[in-house]
Amino acid sequence: MENKLYVGNLSYSMRDDTLQRQFEAFGHVSSAKVMMERDSGRSKGFGFVEMSSTAEAQAAIQGLNGKEVDGRALIVNVARPMEPRSGGFGGGDRHGGGGGYRSGGNRGGY
């Protein structure tokens, strides 16, 4: 899947349609998605664009990587598959939970 691109260093005002327009000069854009913060609705500063072919994707990389858009130099390269997350606070683990019934003050001698 050499036609899916990661696009980084986006301005926080960038939206899906404006991202798509940036890439249309290099071929047919199958999809363009700016990743948004769930709570604020603000851009996270990166997104993904899928071009119709590998050749179009390579042309977009050549044409847009390092190009200044909205005062920021874009980072455009082939998207890598998401790596599995490790560590952290996994849900459902009986050993890592918090807020059990024993939290709090003296409960009648317990």
N, C-alpha and C. Protein backbone atom coordinates (compact mmCIF):
# COMPACT_ATOMS: atom_id res chain seq x y z
N MET A 1 0.84 -1.18 0.00
CA MET A 1 0.00 0.00 0.00
C MET A 1 0.89 1.24 0.00
N GLU A 2 1.59 1.44 -1.08
CA GLU A 2 2.51 2.56 -1.22
C GLU A 2 1.79 3.84 -1.64
N ASN A 3 0.47 3.79 -1.72
CA ASN A 3 -0.25 4.97 -2.15
C ASN A 3 -0.93 5.71 -0.99
N LYS A 4 -0.74 5.21 0.25
CA LYS A 4 -1.28 5.90 1.41
C LYS A 4 -0.15 6.72 2.04
N LEU A 5 -0.40 8.02 2.23
CA LEU A 5 0.63 8.94 2.67
C LEU A 5 0.32 9.52 4.04
N TYR A 6 1.38 9.69 4.82
CA TYR A 6 1.31 10.43 6.08
C TYR A 6 1.65 11.88 5.76
N VAL A 7 0.89 12.81 6.30
CA VAL A 7 1.15 14.23 6.09
C VAL A 7 1.24 14.88 7.47
N GLY A 8 2.42 15.37 7.80
CA GLY A 8 2.64 15.97 9.12
C GLY A 8 2.94 17.45 9.04
N ASN A 9 2.97 18.07 10.21
CA ASN A 9 3.24 19.49 10.39
C ASN A 9 2.16 20.36 9.74
N LEU A 10 0.92 19.88 9.81
CA LEU A 10 -0.21 20.64 9.26
C LEU A 10 -0.56 21.78 10.21
N SER A 11 -1.08 22.86 9.65
CA SER A 11 -1.59 23.94 10.50
C SER A 11 -2.84 23.44 11.21
N TYR A 12 -3.13 24.03 12.35
CA TYR A 12 -4.28 23.57 13.13
C TYR A 12 -5.61 23.97 12.50
N SER A 13 -5.57 24.82 11.48
CA SER A 13 -6.80 25.21 10.79
C SER A 13 -7.09 24.31 9.59
N MET A 14 -6.18 23.40 9.26
CA MET A 14 -6.35 22.51 8.10
C MET A 14 -7.52 21.56 8.32
N ARG A 15 -8.33 21.39 7.27
CA ARG A 15 -9.46 20.47 7.29
C ARG A 15 -9.33 19.50 6.13
N ASP A 16 -10.17 18.47 6.11
CA ASP A 16 -10.10 17.41 5.10
C ASP A 16 -10.13 17.98 3.68
N ASP A 17 -11.06 18.87 3.41
CA ASP A 17 -11.21 19.38 2.04
C ASP A 17 -10.01 20.20 1.58
N THR A 18 -9.43 21.00 2.48
CA THR A 18 -8.26 21.79 2.08
C THR A 18 -7.03 20.90 1.91
N LEU A 19 -6.94 19.84 2.71
CA LEU A 19 -5.85 18.88 2.55
C LEU A 19 -5.98 18.18 1.19
N GLN A 20 -7.18 17.78 0.85
CA GLN A 20 -7.41 17.11 -0.43
C GLN A 20 -7.01 18.01 -1.59
N ARG A 21 -7.37 19.29 -1.52
CA ARG A 21 -7.03 20.21 -2.61
C ARG A 21 -5.52 20.34 -2.81
N GLN A 22 -4.75 20.26 -1.74
CA GLN A 22 -3.29 20.34 -1.85
C GLN A 22 -2.74 19.19 -2.70
N PHE A 23 -3.36 18.02 -2.61
CA PHE A 23 -2.84 16.82 -3.26
C PHE A 23 -3.43 16.57 -4.65
N GLU A 24 -4.54 17.21 -4.98
CA GLU A 24 -5.19 16.96 -6.26
C GLU A 24 -4.34 17.33 -7.47
N ALA A 25 -3.37 18.22 -7.30
CA ALA A 25 -2.49 18.60 -8.40
C ALA A 25 -1.60 17.44 -8.84
N PHE A 26 -1.50 16.39 -8.02
CA PHE A 26 -0.61 15.27 -8.29
C PHE A 26 -1.35 14.00 -8.70
N GLY A 27 -2.67 14.07 -8.80
CA GLY A 27 -3.45 12.91 -9.22
C GLY A 27 -4.76 12.83 -8.48
N HIS A 28 -5.45 11.71 -8.67
CA HIS A 28 -6.74 11.49 -8.03
C HIS A 28 -6.54 11.15 -6.55
N VAL A 29 -7.23 11.88 -5.69
CA VAL A 29 -7.17 11.64 -4.24
C VAL A 29 -8.35 10.75 -3.87
N SER A 30 -8.05 9.54 -3.40
CA SER A 30 -9.10 8.62 -2.97
C SER A 30 -9.70 9.04 -1.65
N SER A 31 -8.85 9.54 -0.73
CA SER A 31 -9.33 10.02 0.57
C SER A 31 -8.29 10.95 1.17
N ALA A 32 -8.78 11.88 1.99
CA ALA A 32 -7.93 12.81 2.71
C ALA A 32 -8.55 13.03 4.08
N LYS A 33 -7.80 12.77 5.13
CA LYS A 33 -8.35 12.85 6.48
C LYS A 33 -7.35 13.53 7.41
N VAL A 34 -7.76 14.66 7.99
CA VAL A 34 -6.98 15.34 9.02
C VAL A 34 -7.43 14.75 10.35
N MET A 35 -6.49 14.32 11.16
CA MET A 35 -6.82 13.73 12.45
C MET A 35 -7.16 14.85 13.44
N MET A 36 -8.30 14.69 14.12
CA MET A 36 -8.81 15.73 15.00
C MET A 36 -8.83 15.26 16.45
N GLU A 37 -8.62 16.22 17.37
CA GLU A 37 -8.74 15.91 18.79
C GLU A 37 -10.21 15.71 19.11
N ARG A 38 -10.49 14.67 19.86
CA ARG A 38 -11.87 14.30 20.17
C ARG A 38 -12.59 15.39 20.97
N ASP A 39 -11.93 15.93 21.98
CA ASP A 39 -12.60 16.87 22.88
C ASP A 39 -12.73 18.27 22.30
N SER A 40 -11.65 18.80 21.73
CA SER A 40 -11.67 20.19 21.27
C SER A 40 -12.09 20.34 19.81
N GLY A 41 -12.00 19.28 19.01
CA GLY A 41 -12.31 19.38 17.60
C GLY A 41 -11.23 20.06 16.79
N ARG A 42 -10.07 20.29 17.40
CA ARG A 42 -8.95 20.93 16.73
C ARG A 42 -8.06 19.89 16.07
N SER A 43 -7.43 20.27 14.98
CA SER A 43 -6.53 19.37 14.27
C SER A 43 -5.38 18.95 15.18
N LYS A 44 -4.96 17.70 15.04
CA LYS A 44 -3.78 17.21 15.77
C LYS A 44 -2.49 17.57 15.05
N GLY A 45 -2.59 18.14 13.85
CA GLY A 45 -1.41 18.57 13.11
C GLY A 45 -0.88 17.52 12.14
N PHE A 46 -1.64 16.44 11.95
CA PHE A 46 -1.23 15.45 10.96
C PHE A 46 -2.47 14.80 10.36
N GLY A 47 -2.25 14.11 9.24
CA GLY A 47 -3.36 13.45 8.58
C GLY A 47 -2.85 12.41 7.60
N PHE A 48 -3.77 11.85 6.83
CA PHE A 48 -3.43 10.81 5.86
C PHE A 48 -4.15 11.09 4.55
N VAL A 49 -3.45 10.86 3.46
CA VAL A 49 -4.01 11.02 2.13
C VAL A 49 -3.76 9.73 1.36
N GLU A 50 -4.78 9.25 0.68
CA GLU A 50 -4.62 8.07 -0.15
C GLU A 50 -4.80 8.48 -1.60
N MET A 51 -3.76 8.24 -2.39
CA MET A 51 -3.80 8.53 -3.82
C MET A 51 -4.24 7.28 -4.56
N SER A 52 -4.66 7.44 -5.82
CA SER A 52 -5.14 6.30 -6.61
C SER A 52 -4.05 5.33 -7.01
N SER A 53 -2.82 5.83 -7.15
CA SER A 53 -1.73 4.94 -7.57
C SER A 53 -0.44 5.29 -6.85
N THR A 54 0.48 4.35 -6.90
CA THR A 54 1.79 4.55 -6.29
C THR A 54 2.54 5.68 -6.98
N ALA A 55 2.40 5.77 -8.31
CA ALA A 55 3.07 6.84 -9.07
C ALA A 55 2.56 8.21 -8.64
N GLU A 56 1.26 8.33 -8.44
CA GLU A 56 0.70 9.61 -7.98
C GLU A 56 1.17 9.94 -6.58
N ALA A 57 1.23 8.92 -5.73
CA ALA A 57 1.71 9.14 -4.37
C ALA A 57 3.15 9.62 -4.36
N GLN A 58 4.00 9.01 -5.18
CA GLN A 58 5.40 9.44 -5.27
C GLN A 58 5.50 10.87 -5.80
N ALA A 59 4.67 11.22 -6.76
CA ALA A 59 4.66 12.58 -7.30
C ALA A 59 4.26 13.58 -6.21
N ALA A 60 3.28 13.21 -5.39
CA ALA A 60 2.85 14.08 -4.30
C ALA A 60 3.95 14.26 -3.26
N ILE A 61 4.67 13.18 -2.95
CA ILE A 61 5.78 13.28 -2.01
C ILE A 61 6.83 14.25 -2.55
N GLN A 62 7.20 14.07 -3.82
CA GLN A 62 8.21 14.93 -4.45
C GLN A 62 7.75 16.39 -4.48
N GLY A 63 6.48 16.61 -4.75
CA GLY A 63 5.98 17.96 -4.90
C GLY A 63 5.64 18.68 -3.62
N LEU A 64 5.28 17.94 -2.57
CA LEU A 64 4.77 18.59 -1.37
C LEU A 64 5.66 18.45 -0.13
N ASN A 65 6.52 17.46 -0.07
CA ASN A 65 7.37 17.30 1.11
C ASN A 65 8.29 18.51 1.23
N GLY A 66 8.18 19.22 2.33
CA GLY A 66 8.97 20.42 2.57
C GLY A 66 8.33 21.70 2.08
N LYS A 67 7.23 21.59 1.32
CA LYS A 67 6.54 22.78 0.81
C LYS A 67 5.84 23.51 1.96
N GLU A 68 5.94 24.82 1.95
CA GLU A 68 5.30 25.61 3.00
C GLU A 68 3.82 25.84 2.66
N VAL A 69 2.96 25.44 3.58
CA VAL A 69 1.52 25.65 3.46
C VAL A 69 1.04 26.22 4.79
N ASP A 70 0.38 27.36 4.73
CA ASP A 70 -0.10 28.06 5.94
C ASP A 70 1.04 28.33 6.92
N GLY A 71 2.21 28.64 6.39
CA GLY A 71 3.34 28.99 7.24
C GLY A 71 4.08 27.81 7.85
N ARG A 72 3.77 26.59 7.42
CA ARG A 72 4.41 25.39 7.97
C ARG A 72 4.92 24.51 6.85
N ALA A 73 6.11 23.98 6.99
CA ALA A 73 6.69 23.09 5.99
C ALA A 73 6.12 21.69 6.17
N LEU A 74 5.38 21.21 5.16
CA LEU A 74 4.74 19.90 5.25
C LEU A 74 5.78 18.77 5.29
N ILE A 75 5.43 17.71 5.99
CA ILE A 75 6.19 16.47 5.98
C ILE A 75 5.28 15.45 5.29
N VAL A 76 5.73 14.93 4.16
CA VAL A 76 4.91 13.98 3.40
C VAL A 76 5.76 12.76 3.10
N ASN A 77 5.31 11.59 3.53
CA ASN A 77 5.98 10.34 3.21
C ASN A 77 4.98 9.19 3.22
N VAL A 78 5.44 8.04 2.79
CA VAL A 78 4.58 6.85 2.76
C VAL A 78 4.19 6.50 4.19
N ALA A 79 2.91 6.28 4.41
CA ALA A 79 2.41 5.93 5.74
C ALA A 79 2.86 4.53 6.11
N ARG A 80 3.27 4.39 7.34
CA ARG A 80 3.64 3.07 7.87
C ARG A 80 2.45 2.51 8.63
N PRO A 81 2.34 1.18 8.70
CA PRO A 81 1.25 0.59 9.48
C PRO A 81 1.39 0.98 10.96
N MET A 82 0.26 1.16 11.62
CA MET A 82 0.29 1.53 13.03
C MET A 82 0.89 0.39 13.85
N GLU A 83 1.84 0.74 14.69
CA GLU A 83 2.48 -0.27 15.54
C GLU A 83 1.61 -0.53 16.75
N PRO A 84 1.57 -1.78 17.21
CA PRO A 84 0.76 -2.08 18.39
C PRO A 84 1.31 -1.35 19.60
N ARG A 85 0.41 -0.88 20.42
CA ARG A 85 0.81 -0.16 21.63
C ARG A 85 1.16 -1.16 22.71
N SER A 86 2.15 -0.81 23.51
CA SER A 86 2.52 -1.69 24.63
C SER A 86 2.60 -0.88 25.90
N GLY A 87 2.48 -1.56 27.02
CA GLY A 87 2.57 -0.89 28.32
C GLY A 87 1.37 -0.01 28.57
N GLY A 88 1.56 0.96 29.44
CA GLY A 88 0.48 1.90 29.72
C GLY A 88 -0.53 1.34 30.68
N PHE A 89 -1.70 1.91 30.64
CA PHE A 89 -2.76 1.55 31.56
C PHE A 89 -3.82 0.75 30.83
N GLY A 90 -3.58 -0.51 30.63
CA GLY A 90 -4.53 -1.36 29.93
C GLY A 90 -5.79 -1.55 30.73
N GLY A 91 -6.89 -1.66 30.06
CA GLY A 91 -8.16 -1.86 30.76
C GLY A 91 -8.39 -3.33 31.06
N GLY A 92 -9.11 -3.59 32.11
CA GLY A 92 -9.50 -4.94 32.44
C GLY A 92 -8.47 -5.76 33.17
N ASP A 93 -7.34 -5.19 33.49
CA ASP A 93 -6.30 -5.93 34.20
C ASP A 93 -6.60 -5.87 35.70
N ARG A 94 -6.80 -7.00 36.31
CA ARG A 94 -7.17 -7.01 37.73
C ARG A 94 -6.03 -6.57 38.64
N HIS A 95 -4.80 -6.56 38.14
CA HIS A 95 -3.67 -6.19 38.97
C HIS A 95 -3.35 -4.70 38.90
N GLY A 96 -3.83 -4.00 37.90
CA GLY A 96 -3.45 -2.60 37.74
C GLY A 96 -4.56 -1.63 38.05
N GLY A 97 -5.68 -2.11 38.53
CA GLY A 97 -6.83 -1.24 38.73
C GLY A 97 -6.65 -0.30 39.90
N GLY A 98 -7.45 0.71 39.93
CA GLY A 98 -7.44 1.65 41.04
C GLY A 98 -8.86 1.86 41.52
N GLY A 99 -8.99 2.57 42.60
CA GLY A 99 -10.32 2.92 43.09
C GLY A 99 -11.10 1.75 43.65
N GLY A 100 -10.43 0.83 44.27
CA GLY A 100 -11.12 -0.31 44.86
C GLY A 100 -11.89 0.07 46.11
N TYR A 101 -12.58 -0.89 46.71
CA TYR A 101 -13.42 -0.62 47.86
C TYR A 101 -12.62 -0.28 49.11
N ARG A 102 -11.32 -0.53 49.13
CA ARG A 102 -10.51 -0.26 50.32
C ARG A 102 -9.99 1.17 50.38
N SER A 103 -10.22 1.97 49.35
CA SER A 103 -9.74 3.34 49.43
C SER A 103 -10.62 4.11 50.40
N GLY A 104 -10.02 5.00 51.13
CA GLY A 104 -10.80 5.81 52.06
C GLY A 104 -10.29 5.62 53.48
N GLY A 105 -11.01 6.17 54.41
CA GLY A 105 -10.58 6.16 55.81
C GLY A 105 -10.92 4.87 56.53
N ASN A 106 -10.87 4.92 57.85
CA ASN A 106 -11.14 3.78 58.70
C ASN A 106 -12.60 3.37 58.58
N ARG A 107 -12.84 2.11 58.27
CA ARG A 107 -14.20 1.63 58.06
C ARG A 107 -14.58 0.66 59.19
N GLY A 108 -14.67 1.17 60.33
CA GLY A 108 -15.12 0.35 61.45
C GLY A 108 -14.17 -0.77 61.81
N GLY A 109 -12.87 -0.49 61.81
CA GLY A 109 -11.90 -1.49 62.23
C GLY A 109 -11.38 -2.38 61.13
N TYR A 110 -11.77 -2.21 59.92
CA TYR A 110 -11.28 -3.06 58.82
C TYR A 110 -9.90 -2.67 58.46
